[in-house]
Structure formats: structure tokens, C-alpha cells
N, C-alpha and C. Protein backbone atom coordinates (compact mmCIF):
# COMPACT_ATOMS: atom_id res chain seq x y z
N MET A 1 79.05 81.52 97.49
CA MET A 1 79.48 82.84 97.94
C MET A 1 80.72 82.69 98.80
N GLY A 2 81.81 83.40 98.51
CA GLY A 2 83.03 83.26 99.26
C GLY A 2 82.98 84.01 100.58
N LEU A 3 83.63 83.44 101.60
CA LEU A 3 83.71 84.09 102.89
C LEU A 3 84.95 84.99 102.92
N PHE A 4 84.86 86.03 103.71
CA PHE A 4 85.93 87.02 103.79
C PHE A 4 86.71 86.83 105.07
N LYS A 5 88.02 86.76 104.97
CA LYS A 5 88.89 86.68 106.14
C LYS A 5 89.48 88.04 106.41
N GLN A 6 89.32 88.50 107.66
CA GLN A 6 89.80 89.83 108.02
C GLN A 6 91.31 89.92 107.82
N PRO A 7 91.79 90.87 107.00
CA PRO A 7 93.23 91.01 106.78
C PRO A 7 93.90 91.72 107.94
N GLU A 8 95.21 91.59 108.03
CA GLU A 8 95.96 92.28 109.07
C GLU A 8 96.11 93.77 108.77
N PHE A 9 96.02 94.12 107.50
CA PHE A 9 96.11 95.53 107.14
C PHE A 9 95.38 95.76 105.83
N PHE A 10 95.01 97.01 105.58
CA PHE A 10 94.38 97.37 104.32
C PHE A 10 94.73 98.81 104.01
N SER A 11 94.50 99.19 102.76
CA SER A 11 94.90 100.53 102.30
C SER A 11 93.69 101.33 101.82
N LEU A 12 93.78 102.63 102.03
CA LEU A 12 92.80 103.57 101.49
C LEU A 12 93.56 104.61 100.69
N GLY A 13 92.94 105.09 99.63
CA GLY A 13 93.59 106.11 98.82
C GLY A 13 92.57 107.02 98.17
N VAL A 14 93.02 108.16 97.67
CA VAL A 14 92.14 109.10 97.00
C VAL A 14 92.91 109.73 95.85
N GLN A 15 92.24 109.82 94.69
CA GLN A 15 92.87 110.41 93.51
C GLN A 15 92.30 111.77 93.15
N LEU A 16 91.06 112.01 93.51
CA LEU A 16 90.41 113.27 93.12
C LEU A 16 90.00 114.07 94.35
N THR A 17 89.91 115.36 94.20
CA THR A 17 89.42 116.22 95.28
C THR A 17 87.94 115.94 95.49
N PRO A 18 87.36 116.21 96.65
CA PRO A 18 87.95 116.98 97.75
C PRO A 18 88.76 116.15 98.74
N GLY A 19 88.87 114.86 98.52
CA GLY A 19 89.58 114.00 99.46
C GLY A 19 88.64 112.94 100.00
N LEU A 20 89.13 112.21 100.99
CA LEU A 20 88.35 111.12 101.59
C LEU A 20 88.15 111.41 103.06
N PHE A 21 86.88 111.49 103.48
CA PHE A 21 86.55 111.71 104.88
C PHE A 21 85.70 110.54 105.36
N ILE A 22 86.07 109.97 106.52
CA ILE A 22 85.29 108.89 107.13
C ILE A 22 85.08 109.26 108.58
N ARG A 23 83.84 109.26 109.01
CA ARG A 23 83.50 109.63 110.38
C ARG A 23 83.27 108.39 111.23
N GLY A 24 83.79 108.40 112.45
CA GLY A 24 83.45 107.38 113.44
C GLY A 24 84.00 106.00 113.16
N MET A 25 85.20 105.91 112.59
CA MET A 25 85.82 104.60 112.43
C MET A 25 86.13 104.01 113.80
N GLN A 26 85.96 102.71 113.94
CA GLN A 26 86.18 102.08 115.25
C GLN A 26 86.42 100.59 115.06
N PHE A 27 87.56 100.13 115.52
CA PHE A 27 87.92 98.72 115.46
C PHE A 27 88.13 98.18 116.87
N PRO A 28 87.85 96.89 117.10
CA PRO A 28 88.20 96.29 118.39
C PRO A 28 89.70 96.08 118.54
N ASN A 29 90.43 96.25 117.46
CA ASN A 29 91.88 96.11 117.46
C ASN A 29 92.55 97.43 117.79
N ALA A 30 93.79 97.35 118.28
CA ALA A 30 94.64 98.52 118.25
C ALA A 30 94.99 98.79 116.78
N VAL A 31 95.10 100.04 116.41
CA VAL A 31 95.25 100.42 115.01
C VAL A 31 96.51 101.27 114.83
N GLU A 32 97.30 100.94 113.82
CA GLU A 32 98.41 101.79 113.41
C GLU A 32 98.10 102.33 112.03
N ILE A 33 98.16 103.65 111.89
CA ILE A 33 97.92 104.29 110.60
C ILE A 33 99.24 104.81 110.06
N LEU A 34 99.60 104.34 108.86
CA LEU A 34 100.85 104.71 108.21
C LEU A 34 100.53 105.51 106.96
N VAL A 35 101.04 106.72 106.87
CA VAL A 35 100.76 107.59 105.74
C VAL A 35 101.74 107.28 104.62
N GLY A 36 101.21 106.91 103.45
CA GLY A 36 102.05 106.65 102.30
C GLY A 36 102.32 107.90 101.50
N ALA A 37 101.28 108.68 101.27
CA ALA A 37 101.41 109.92 100.51
C ALA A 37 100.22 110.82 100.83
N GLY A 38 100.47 112.12 100.81
CA GLY A 38 99.41 113.06 101.08
C GLY A 38 99.39 113.53 102.52
N ASP A 39 98.32 114.20 102.88
CA ASP A 39 98.14 114.73 104.23
C ASP A 39 96.98 114.02 104.89
N VAL A 40 97.17 113.63 106.15
CA VAL A 40 96.16 112.90 106.89
C VAL A 40 95.89 113.61 108.22
N ALA A 41 94.63 113.70 108.58
CA ALA A 41 94.24 114.22 109.89
C ALA A 41 93.40 113.16 110.59
N ILE A 42 93.71 112.90 111.86
CA ILE A 42 92.98 111.96 112.69
C ILE A 42 92.43 112.73 113.88
N ARG A 43 91.12 112.58 114.12
CA ARG A 43 90.50 113.27 115.25
C ARG A 43 89.72 112.26 116.09
N SER A 44 90.03 112.23 117.38
CA SER A 44 89.28 111.40 118.31
C SER A 44 88.97 112.22 119.55
N ARG A 45 88.40 111.60 120.55
CA ARG A 45 88.03 112.34 121.77
C ARG A 45 89.27 112.91 122.46
N ASN A 46 90.38 112.20 122.39
CA ASN A 46 91.57 112.59 123.15
C ASN A 46 92.70 113.16 122.33
N ARG A 47 92.52 113.26 121.02
CA ARG A 47 93.66 113.73 120.22
C ARG A 47 93.20 114.34 118.91
N LEU A 48 94.10 115.18 118.37
CA LEU A 48 94.00 115.67 117.01
C LEU A 48 95.39 115.52 116.41
N TRP A 49 95.54 114.61 115.47
CA TRP A 49 96.86 114.28 114.91
C TRP A 49 96.87 114.59 113.42
N ARG A 50 97.98 115.16 112.98
CA ARG A 50 98.15 115.43 111.55
C ARG A 50 99.48 114.85 111.11
N GLY A 51 99.48 114.22 109.95
CA GLY A 51 100.70 113.62 109.45
C GLY A 51 100.76 113.67 107.94
N SER A 52 101.95 113.41 107.40
CA SER A 52 102.16 113.36 105.96
C SER A 52 103.08 112.19 105.64
N ASP A 53 103.73 112.20 104.50
CA ASP A 53 104.48 111.06 104.00
C ASP A 53 105.35 110.40 105.07
N ASN A 54 105.13 109.07 105.25
CA ASN A 54 105.92 108.22 106.15
C ASN A 54 105.66 108.46 107.64
N ASP A 55 104.74 109.33 108.00
CA ASP A 55 104.36 109.49 109.40
C ASP A 55 103.43 108.36 109.81
N SER A 56 103.31 108.12 111.10
CA SER A 56 102.41 107.07 111.59
C SER A 56 101.87 107.46 112.97
N VAL A 57 100.76 106.84 113.34
CA VAL A 57 100.15 107.09 114.64
C VAL A 57 99.49 105.80 115.11
N LEU A 58 99.51 105.57 116.43
CA LEU A 58 98.89 104.39 117.05
C LEU A 58 97.62 104.80 117.76
N LEU A 59 96.55 104.01 117.57
CA LEU A 59 95.28 104.25 118.22
C LEU A 59 94.93 103.03 119.07
N ALA A 60 94.31 103.27 120.22
CA ALA A 60 94.01 102.20 121.16
C ALA A 60 92.84 101.35 120.67
N CYS A 61 92.72 100.15 121.24
CA CYS A 61 91.58 99.27 120.94
C CYS A 61 90.28 100.01 121.22
N GLY A 62 89.39 99.99 120.26
CA GLY A 62 88.08 100.59 120.45
C GLY A 62 88.02 102.10 120.36
N GLU A 63 89.15 102.75 120.08
CA GLU A 63 89.15 104.22 119.98
C GLU A 63 88.40 104.66 118.72
N THR A 64 87.42 105.52 118.88
CA THR A 64 86.65 106.03 117.76
C THR A 64 87.36 107.24 117.17
N PHE A 65 87.50 107.25 115.85
CA PHE A 65 88.23 108.37 115.24
C PHE A 65 87.65 108.73 113.88
N ASP A 66 87.80 110.01 113.55
CA ASP A 66 87.47 110.50 112.21
C ASP A 66 88.77 110.58 111.41
N LEU A 67 88.67 110.33 110.12
CA LEU A 67 89.85 110.31 109.26
C LEU A 67 89.62 111.20 108.05
N LEU A 68 90.60 112.04 107.76
CA LEU A 68 90.58 112.87 106.56
C LEU A 68 91.88 112.65 105.80
N LEU A 69 91.76 112.24 104.54
CA LEU A 69 92.93 111.99 103.68
C LEU A 69 92.87 112.91 102.48
N LEU A 70 93.92 113.70 102.30
CA LEU A 70 94.00 114.65 101.19
C LEU A 70 95.18 114.30 100.30
N ARG A 71 95.05 114.59 99.02
CA ARG A 71 96.13 114.32 98.06
C ARG A 71 97.30 115.28 98.28
N PRO A 72 98.53 114.82 97.99
CA PRO A 72 99.68 115.72 98.14
C PRO A 72 99.72 116.83 97.11
N ASP A 73 99.23 116.57 95.90
CA ASP A 73 99.18 117.59 94.86
C ASP A 73 98.21 117.14 93.78
N ALA A 74 98.04 117.95 92.75
CA ALA A 74 97.02 117.71 91.74
C ALA A 74 97.27 116.46 90.91
N LEU A 75 98.51 115.98 90.85
CA LEU A 75 98.84 114.86 89.98
C LEU A 75 99.12 113.57 90.73
N SER A 76 99.05 113.59 92.06
CA SER A 76 99.44 112.44 92.85
C SER A 76 98.25 111.81 93.56
N ILE A 77 98.49 110.65 94.15
CA ILE A 77 97.47 109.91 94.89
C ILE A 77 97.77 110.01 96.38
N GLY A 78 96.77 110.34 97.16
CA GLY A 78 96.90 110.27 98.61
C GLY A 78 96.60 108.85 99.05
N ALA A 79 97.44 108.29 99.91
CA ALA A 79 97.26 106.90 100.31
C ALA A 79 97.75 106.67 101.73
N LEU A 80 97.11 105.73 102.42
CA LEU A 80 97.55 105.33 103.76
C LEU A 80 97.24 103.86 103.97
N THR A 81 97.92 103.27 104.93
CA THR A 81 97.71 101.87 105.30
C THR A 81 97.24 101.81 106.74
N ILE A 82 96.25 100.98 107.01
CA ILE A 82 95.74 100.77 108.36
C ILE A 82 96.07 99.35 108.77
N ARG A 83 96.86 99.20 109.82
CA ARG A 83 97.23 97.88 110.35
C ARG A 83 96.42 97.59 111.60
N LEU A 84 95.90 96.38 111.68
CA LEU A 84 95.07 95.97 112.81
C LEU A 84 95.82 94.93 113.64
N SER A 85 95.89 95.14 114.95
CA SER A 85 96.53 94.17 115.84
C SER A 85 95.61 92.98 116.06
N ALA A 86 96.16 91.91 116.62
CA ALA A 86 95.35 90.75 116.98
C ALA A 86 94.50 91.12 118.20
N VAL A 87 93.34 90.48 118.31
CA VAL A 87 92.43 90.76 119.42
C VAL A 87 92.21 89.48 120.20
N GLY A 88 92.35 89.55 121.51
CA GLY A 88 92.08 88.39 122.35
C GLY A 88 90.59 88.22 122.58
N HIS A 89 90.16 87.01 122.86
CA HIS A 89 88.73 86.74 123.05
C HIS A 89 88.40 86.40 124.50
N THR A 90 89.37 86.44 125.41
CA THR A 90 89.13 86.06 126.79
C THR A 90 88.63 87.25 127.58
N LEU A 91 87.49 87.08 128.23
CA LEU A 91 86.97 88.14 129.08
C LEU A 91 87.85 88.27 130.32
N SER A 92 88.28 89.46 130.64
CA SER A 92 89.08 89.70 131.83
C SER A 92 88.88 91.15 132.24
N SER A 93 89.47 91.51 133.36
CA SER A 93 89.35 92.90 133.83
C SER A 93 90.07 93.85 132.90
N TYR A 94 90.93 93.31 132.02
CA TYR A 94 91.69 94.15 131.10
C TYR A 94 91.05 94.21 129.71
N SER A 95 89.95 93.52 129.53
CA SER A 95 89.31 93.47 128.21
C SER A 95 87.87 93.91 128.33
N ALA A 96 87.55 95.08 127.81
CA ALA A 96 86.18 95.59 127.87
C ALA A 96 85.26 94.66 127.09
N LEU A 97 84.06 94.49 127.60
CA LEU A 97 83.09 93.64 126.92
C LEU A 97 82.78 94.19 125.54
N TRP A 98 82.77 95.52 125.39
CA TRP A 98 82.56 96.11 124.06
C TRP A 98 83.54 95.52 123.06
N ASN A 99 84.82 95.46 123.43
CA ASN A 99 85.84 94.97 122.52
C ASN A 99 85.60 93.52 122.13
N VAL A 100 85.20 92.71 123.09
CA VAL A 100 84.97 91.30 122.81
C VAL A 100 83.80 91.14 121.84
N CYS A 101 82.70 91.86 122.09
CA CYS A 101 81.53 91.78 121.20
C CYS A 101 81.88 92.30 119.80
N ALA A 102 82.58 93.43 119.74
CA ALA A 102 82.94 94.00 118.45
C ALA A 102 83.84 93.07 117.67
N SER A 103 84.77 92.41 118.35
CA SER A 103 85.66 91.46 117.68
C SER A 103 84.89 90.29 117.10
N GLU A 104 83.91 89.79 117.85
CA GLU A 104 83.09 88.68 117.35
C GLU A 104 82.35 89.08 116.08
N VAL A 105 81.79 90.29 116.07
CA VAL A 105 81.03 90.74 114.90
C VAL A 105 81.96 91.00 113.72
N LEU A 106 83.09 91.65 113.95
CA LEU A 106 84.00 91.98 112.86
C LEU A 106 84.52 90.72 112.18
N GLU A 107 84.76 89.67 112.94
CA GLU A 107 85.26 88.42 112.37
C GLU A 107 84.16 87.60 111.70
N ASN A 108 82.90 87.81 112.14
CA ASN A 108 81.78 87.05 111.58
C ASN A 108 80.59 87.97 111.32
N PRO A 109 80.73 88.94 110.43
CA PRO A 109 79.66 89.93 110.24
C PRO A 109 78.38 89.33 109.64
N ARG A 110 78.49 88.19 108.96
CA ARG A 110 77.30 87.58 108.34
C ARG A 110 76.40 86.88 109.36
N GLU A 111 76.92 86.62 110.54
CA GLU A 111 76.15 85.94 111.57
C GLU A 111 74.90 86.74 111.91
N HIS A 112 73.82 86.04 112.27
CA HIS A 112 72.57 86.71 112.64
C HIS A 112 72.65 87.11 114.12
N TRP A 113 73.43 88.17 114.37
CA TRP A 113 73.72 88.54 115.75
C TRP A 113 72.51 89.13 116.46
N ASN A 114 72.34 88.75 117.72
CA ASN A 114 71.40 89.37 118.64
C ASN A 114 71.91 89.11 120.05
N ALA A 115 71.21 89.64 121.06
CA ALA A 115 71.69 89.52 122.43
C ALA A 115 71.78 88.07 122.89
N ILE A 116 70.82 87.25 122.48
CA ILE A 116 70.81 85.86 122.91
C ILE A 116 72.00 85.11 122.33
N LEU A 117 72.25 85.28 121.03
CA LEU A 117 73.37 84.60 120.40
C LEU A 117 74.71 85.08 120.95
N MET A 118 74.87 86.39 121.12
CA MET A 118 76.13 86.93 121.63
C MET A 118 76.37 86.45 123.06
N ALA A 119 75.33 86.49 123.88
CA ALA A 119 75.48 86.04 125.27
C ALA A 119 75.88 84.57 125.32
N ARG A 120 75.27 83.75 124.48
CA ARG A 120 75.62 82.33 124.43
C ARG A 120 77.05 82.15 124.00
N ARG A 121 77.50 82.93 123.01
CA ARG A 121 78.86 82.82 122.52
C ARG A 121 79.88 83.17 123.60
N LEU A 122 79.52 84.12 124.48
CA LEU A 122 80.45 84.59 125.51
C LEU A 122 80.24 83.93 126.86
N GLY A 123 79.27 83.04 126.96
CA GLY A 123 79.02 82.35 128.22
C GLY A 123 78.36 83.22 129.28
N LEU A 124 77.53 84.16 128.82
CA LEU A 124 76.81 85.05 129.72
C LEU A 124 75.31 84.89 129.50
N SER A 125 74.52 85.38 130.45
CA SER A 125 73.09 85.50 130.20
C SER A 125 72.87 86.76 129.38
N SER A 126 71.80 86.80 128.60
CA SER A 126 71.53 87.99 127.78
C SER A 126 71.30 89.21 128.66
N GLU A 127 70.70 89.00 129.86
CA GLU A 127 70.47 90.12 130.77
C GLU A 127 71.80 90.68 131.28
N LYS A 128 72.73 89.79 131.65
CA LYS A 128 74.02 90.25 132.14
C LYS A 128 74.81 90.94 131.03
N LEU A 129 74.68 90.42 129.82
CA LEU A 129 75.35 91.05 128.67
C LEU A 129 74.87 92.49 128.50
N ARG A 130 73.57 92.69 128.52
CA ARG A 130 73.00 94.03 128.34
C ARG A 130 73.45 94.96 129.47
N HIS A 131 73.42 94.47 130.71
CA HIS A 131 73.79 95.30 131.85
C HIS A 131 75.26 95.70 131.79
N LYS A 132 76.13 94.76 131.42
CA LYS A 132 77.56 95.06 131.35
C LYS A 132 77.84 96.08 130.23
N LEU A 133 77.20 95.90 129.07
CA LEU A 133 77.39 96.86 127.98
C LEU A 133 76.84 98.23 128.36
N PHE A 134 75.70 98.25 129.04
CA PHE A 134 75.13 99.52 129.47
C PHE A 134 76.09 100.25 130.41
N ALA A 135 76.73 99.50 131.31
CA ALA A 135 77.69 100.10 132.23
C ALA A 135 78.89 100.68 131.50
N GLU A 136 79.21 100.13 130.33
CA GLU A 136 80.31 100.64 129.51
C GLU A 136 79.85 101.76 128.57
N GLY A 137 78.56 102.09 128.61
CA GLY A 137 78.03 103.12 127.73
C GLY A 137 77.85 102.62 126.31
N ALA A 138 77.62 101.32 126.14
CA ALA A 138 77.51 100.72 124.81
C ALA A 138 76.17 100.00 124.65
N ALA A 139 75.79 99.78 123.40
CA ALA A 139 74.58 99.02 123.07
C ALA A 139 74.94 98.00 122.00
N LEU A 140 74.44 96.78 122.16
CA LEU A 140 74.83 95.70 121.25
C LEU A 140 74.43 96.01 119.81
N SER A 141 73.26 96.57 119.60
CA SER A 141 72.81 96.83 118.22
C SER A 141 73.76 97.81 117.52
N GLU A 142 74.22 98.83 118.26
CA GLU A 142 75.15 99.78 117.67
C GLU A 142 76.49 99.12 117.35
N ILE A 143 76.96 98.25 118.25
CA ILE A 143 78.19 97.51 118.01
C ILE A 143 78.08 96.68 116.75
N ILE A 144 76.98 95.96 116.61
CA ILE A 144 76.79 95.07 115.46
C ILE A 144 76.85 95.86 114.15
N TRP A 145 76.09 96.94 114.06
CA TRP A 145 76.02 97.66 112.78
C TRP A 145 77.28 98.46 112.49
N LYS A 146 77.94 98.98 113.54
CA LYS A 146 79.21 99.69 113.30
C LYS A 146 80.26 98.72 112.77
N GLN A 147 80.37 97.53 113.34
CA GLN A 147 81.39 96.58 112.89
C GLN A 147 81.05 95.98 111.53
N ARG A 148 79.79 95.86 111.21
CA ARG A 148 79.42 95.44 109.85
C ARG A 148 79.83 96.51 108.84
N CYS A 149 79.66 97.77 109.21
CA CYS A 149 80.09 98.86 108.32
C CYS A 149 81.61 98.85 108.16
N MET A 150 82.34 98.62 109.27
CA MET A 150 83.80 98.56 109.18
C MET A 150 84.23 97.38 108.31
N SER A 151 83.56 96.26 108.45
CA SER A 151 83.87 95.09 107.63
C SER A 151 83.63 95.38 106.15
N ALA A 152 82.53 96.06 105.85
CA ALA A 152 82.24 96.41 104.46
C ALA A 152 83.31 97.34 103.90
N LEU A 153 83.76 98.30 104.70
CA LEU A 153 84.79 99.23 104.26
C LEU A 153 86.09 98.50 103.93
N VAL A 154 86.45 97.53 104.78
CA VAL A 154 87.67 96.76 104.53
C VAL A 154 87.51 95.94 103.25
N MET A 155 86.37 95.30 103.07
CA MET A 155 86.14 94.51 101.85
C MET A 155 86.21 95.37 100.61
N LEU A 156 85.65 96.58 100.68
CA LEU A 156 85.69 97.48 99.53
C LEU A 156 87.11 97.84 99.15
N SER A 157 88.00 97.92 100.13
CA SER A 157 89.38 98.34 99.85
C SER A 157 90.32 97.18 99.59
N THR A 158 89.85 95.94 99.74
CA THR A 158 90.76 94.80 99.58
C THR A 158 90.27 93.76 98.58
N THR A 159 89.10 93.96 97.98
CA THR A 159 88.58 92.99 97.02
C THR A 159 87.95 93.72 95.82
N ASP A 160 87.75 92.97 94.76
CA ASP A 160 87.06 93.52 93.59
C ASP A 160 85.64 92.97 93.49
N ALA A 161 85.13 92.43 94.60
CA ALA A 161 83.79 91.84 94.58
C ALA A 161 82.72 92.92 94.36
N SER A 162 81.58 92.49 93.86
CA SER A 162 80.48 93.40 93.63
C SER A 162 79.92 93.91 94.95
N LEU A 163 79.21 95.04 94.89
CA LEU A 163 78.60 95.59 96.10
C LEU A 163 77.58 94.63 96.70
N ASN A 164 76.86 93.92 95.84
CA ASN A 164 75.88 92.95 96.35
C ASN A 164 76.56 91.82 97.12
N LEU A 165 77.69 91.35 96.61
CA LEU A 165 78.41 90.27 97.28
C LEU A 165 79.02 90.75 98.59
N ILE A 166 79.57 91.96 98.58
CA ILE A 166 80.12 92.52 99.81
C ILE A 166 79.02 92.72 100.84
N ALA A 167 77.88 93.23 100.40
CA ALA A 167 76.76 93.45 101.33
C ALA A 167 76.35 92.14 102.00
N ALA A 168 76.25 91.07 101.22
CA ALA A 168 75.86 89.77 101.78
C ALA A 168 76.90 89.27 102.77
N ASN A 169 78.17 89.41 102.44
CA ASN A 169 79.24 88.93 103.31
C ASN A 169 79.41 89.79 104.56
N ALA A 170 78.98 91.04 104.50
CA ALA A 170 79.10 91.93 105.66
C ALA A 170 77.86 91.92 106.54
N GLY A 171 76.85 91.15 106.18
CA GLY A 171 75.68 91.01 107.03
C GLY A 171 74.54 91.97 106.74
N PHE A 172 74.55 92.60 105.56
CA PHE A 172 73.47 93.50 105.18
C PHE A 172 72.43 92.78 104.33
N LYS A 173 71.23 93.33 104.27
CA LYS A 173 70.17 92.70 103.49
C LYS A 173 70.49 92.72 102.01
N ASP A 174 71.00 93.84 101.55
CA ASP A 174 71.33 93.98 100.14
C ASP A 174 72.23 95.21 99.97
N LYS A 175 72.57 95.52 98.74
CA LYS A 175 73.45 96.64 98.45
C LYS A 175 72.88 97.96 98.96
N LYS A 176 71.62 98.19 98.75
CA LYS A 176 71.00 99.44 99.17
C LYS A 176 71.06 99.60 100.69
N HIS A 177 70.80 98.51 101.40
CA HIS A 177 70.87 98.53 102.85
C HIS A 177 72.28 98.88 103.32
N MET A 178 73.28 98.28 102.69
CA MET A 178 74.67 98.58 103.04
C MET A 178 75.01 100.04 102.77
N GLN A 179 74.61 100.54 101.61
CA GLN A 179 74.90 101.92 101.26
C GLN A 179 74.29 102.89 102.28
N THR A 180 73.06 102.59 102.70
CA THR A 180 72.38 103.46 103.66
C THR A 180 73.07 103.43 105.01
N MET A 181 73.40 102.23 105.51
CA MET A 181 74.00 102.11 106.83
C MET A 181 75.41 102.69 106.86
N VAL A 182 76.22 102.40 105.85
CA VAL A 182 77.57 102.94 105.80
C VAL A 182 77.52 104.46 105.68
N GLY A 183 76.60 104.96 104.87
CA GLY A 183 76.45 106.41 104.73
C GLY A 183 76.06 107.08 106.04
N ASN A 184 75.14 106.46 106.78
CA ASN A 184 74.68 107.05 108.04
C ASN A 184 75.74 106.97 109.13
N MET A 185 76.45 105.84 109.22
CA MET A 185 77.38 105.63 110.33
C MET A 185 78.77 106.19 110.06
N LEU A 186 79.22 106.14 108.80
CA LEU A 186 80.59 106.55 108.47
C LEU A 186 80.65 107.78 107.56
N MET A 187 79.52 108.25 107.12
CA MET A 187 79.45 109.41 106.20
C MET A 187 80.22 109.15 104.91
N VAL A 188 80.18 107.92 104.42
CA VAL A 188 80.82 107.56 103.16
C VAL A 188 79.72 107.20 102.17
N ASN A 189 79.65 107.93 101.06
CA ASN A 189 78.67 107.68 100.02
C ASN A 189 79.26 106.70 99.03
N LEU A 190 78.83 105.44 99.08
CA LEU A 190 79.41 104.41 98.23
C LEU A 190 79.11 104.64 96.75
N ASP A 191 78.05 105.38 96.45
CA ASP A 191 77.75 105.68 95.05
C ASP A 191 78.82 106.57 94.42
N ARG A 192 79.57 107.30 95.25
CA ARG A 192 80.62 108.18 94.73
C ARG A 192 81.99 107.53 94.73
N LEU A 193 82.06 106.30 95.20
CA LEU A 193 83.34 105.62 95.25
C LEU A 193 83.53 104.74 94.02
N GLU A 194 84.64 104.92 93.35
CA GLU A 194 84.95 104.12 92.17
C GLU A 194 86.11 103.20 92.50
N ARG A 195 85.86 101.91 92.48
CA ARG A 195 86.87 100.95 92.91
C ARG A 195 87.61 100.36 91.70
N PRO A 196 88.85 99.91 91.91
CA PRO A 196 89.62 99.34 90.80
C PRO A 196 88.99 98.05 90.31
N ALA A 197 88.96 97.86 89.00
CA ALA A 197 88.41 96.65 88.39
C ALA A 197 89.54 95.66 88.13
N ILE A 198 89.51 94.55 88.89
CA ILE A 198 90.53 93.49 88.70
C ILE A 198 89.90 92.31 87.98
N GLY A 199 88.70 91.94 88.40
CA GLY A 199 87.97 90.86 87.74
C GLY A 199 86.59 91.36 87.36
N ASP A 200 85.66 90.43 87.21
CA ASP A 200 84.31 90.85 86.86
C ASP A 200 83.44 91.06 88.10
N GLY A 201 84.02 90.84 89.28
CA GLY A 201 83.28 91.09 90.51
C GLY A 201 82.27 90.04 90.87
N THR A 202 82.23 88.91 90.15
CA THR A 202 81.22 87.90 90.42
C THR A 202 81.78 86.70 91.16
N GLY A 203 83.10 86.60 91.24
CA GLY A 203 83.72 85.46 91.91
C GLY A 203 83.70 85.63 93.41
N PRO A 204 84.27 84.64 94.14
CA PRO A 204 84.29 84.72 95.59
C PRO A 204 85.17 85.86 96.07
N ILE A 205 84.87 86.35 97.24
CA ILE A 205 85.67 87.41 97.83
C ILE A 205 87.04 86.83 98.17
N ARG A 206 88.07 87.52 97.72
CA ARG A 206 89.43 87.04 97.94
C ARG A 206 90.12 87.94 98.95
N PRO A 207 90.47 87.40 100.13
CA PRO A 207 91.13 88.22 101.15
C PRO A 207 92.60 88.43 100.85
N GLY A 208 93.22 89.30 101.66
CA GLY A 208 94.66 89.49 101.58
C GLY A 208 95.12 90.26 100.37
N ARG A 209 94.27 91.14 99.83
CA ARG A 209 94.67 91.89 98.65
C ARG A 209 95.17 93.29 99.00
N ALA A 210 95.20 93.63 100.29
CA ALA A 210 95.52 95.00 100.67
C ALA A 210 96.92 95.43 100.29
N GLU A 211 97.80 94.46 100.07
CA GLU A 211 99.17 94.83 99.77
C GLU A 211 99.34 95.34 98.35
N LEU A 212 98.33 95.18 97.50
CA LEU A 212 98.46 95.63 96.13
C LEU A 212 98.35 97.15 96.06
N PRO A 213 99.27 97.83 95.40
CA PRO A 213 99.24 99.30 95.36
C PRO A 213 98.06 99.86 94.61
N SER A 214 97.38 99.04 93.82
CA SER A 214 96.26 99.55 93.04
C SER A 214 94.98 99.67 93.86
N ARG A 215 95.05 99.34 95.18
CA ARG A 215 93.87 99.43 96.03
C ARG A 215 93.57 100.90 96.33
N VAL A 216 92.80 101.55 95.48
CA VAL A 216 92.60 102.98 95.63
C VAL A 216 91.12 103.32 95.49
N PHE A 217 90.62 104.18 96.37
CA PHE A 217 89.30 104.77 96.20
C PHE A 217 89.47 106.00 95.32
N ARG A 218 88.65 106.13 94.31
CA ARG A 218 88.64 107.36 93.52
C ARG A 218 87.26 107.99 93.70
N ILE A 219 87.23 109.22 94.15
CA ILE A 219 85.97 109.90 94.42
C ILE A 219 85.60 110.74 93.22
N ARG A 220 84.48 110.42 92.65
CA ARG A 220 84.02 111.17 91.48
C ARG A 220 83.64 112.58 91.87
N PRO A 221 83.95 113.58 91.05
CA PRO A 221 83.56 114.96 91.35
C PRO A 221 82.05 115.12 91.20
């Protein structure tokens, strides 16, 4: 089974109405969203941004946002690119513990994460880890599953691997488990997503495919 390396950027697109809506996207990275075609709306706690062709917006590390992508017209494809900044791993007064934990999970979603393992990885006691996350209004279990969902979304948009292979690489029990969790956390129904066929989907997951223009989600009516 091939391992997945987090790309620096990936693309999302939509060919059919009603468009693509994703709720509660959240990365430990700072995020730049570049609109290739169509209309995009970004909603977070502190902003409501709308853009179209060649517009862009920057989002802070850990900022939770909803995304709506609409096609420019009946014959065109709506598309955008999401660029992820590098994330530091050093705990400091300038780095929220949430970000550090989320970064660990996003880079290694297959790991059997729990409080003991995360605390050991960060050089903390599990009790101190829980207390610090609680003070930030965060919970480790929510961090783990949100970042596994984000990892699965990136894999879906950058590889032609099967859903079962993506589920395994993203830390889910199986395809059904992934579909349920992604649906609950991001409001994306994977059964309605039709991905481009490049290979037979049985080979190893190949990273770095986001630059290909054929990386498009097509939503079945």
C-alpha cells in the first residue's frame, strides 16, 4: 500500500450543478485560495469573502471555513486551487497546540493517534496535553478526525486511488467509515462525487498530482 505525501497545493472543481459545498474545512497551515474559474464564496467566523476568476484570498493557520464553488456558466468548469503553507513543529507562545497536533495528524493520518501517543510525540504528559487543548477550546479526538477527513479530501483530488485505498491511507477503518465521517464533518457525500479515471485505482497512491488540470470533482445530479 503506497503512502501519501501531503502536497503543497491541490485543486477542486465542479462540472455539474448545484455546485460544490464543503463545510468546516480546517488546515493547520495558512491557506491561499486561488479561483481559476467560476464563483467562490468563503465563510468563516471573521469574514465572508466572494471571488471569481483570478481572485485570491489568504486564510490564517487553523481558520475554519465553509467553501462554495459554483460554475461560471452551463458549459464551463468551476475550479480553484488551495495552496498550503509549511507548518512548524516547535511548540512556542506563537504556535497554538491545536496547530501542532493537527499538523502531526495531517502528515501522518494512518497513525493510531490517541492522547498518550500525541503527548509522547510532543514531549508532554497526556494530562497536560488535554488541559492545554481544553484551554484552547479544542479536543484531540475532534482534531484527529477532522484532519483525517481533510487528508482524505486532498487524496481524492490529487490521486486516482480507490476509495478503499484512500480510506486506509487516511486512517479510516474502511470506505464506508470514511464516507460517513467525511459526510458528517464536511457535508460532502462521496457517493455523489465522480473522480477522473487515470489508472485502475489499484496501484500505490501517487502524490503531487494536483497540478494536472483534469483534477475535477463532478457531482452527479
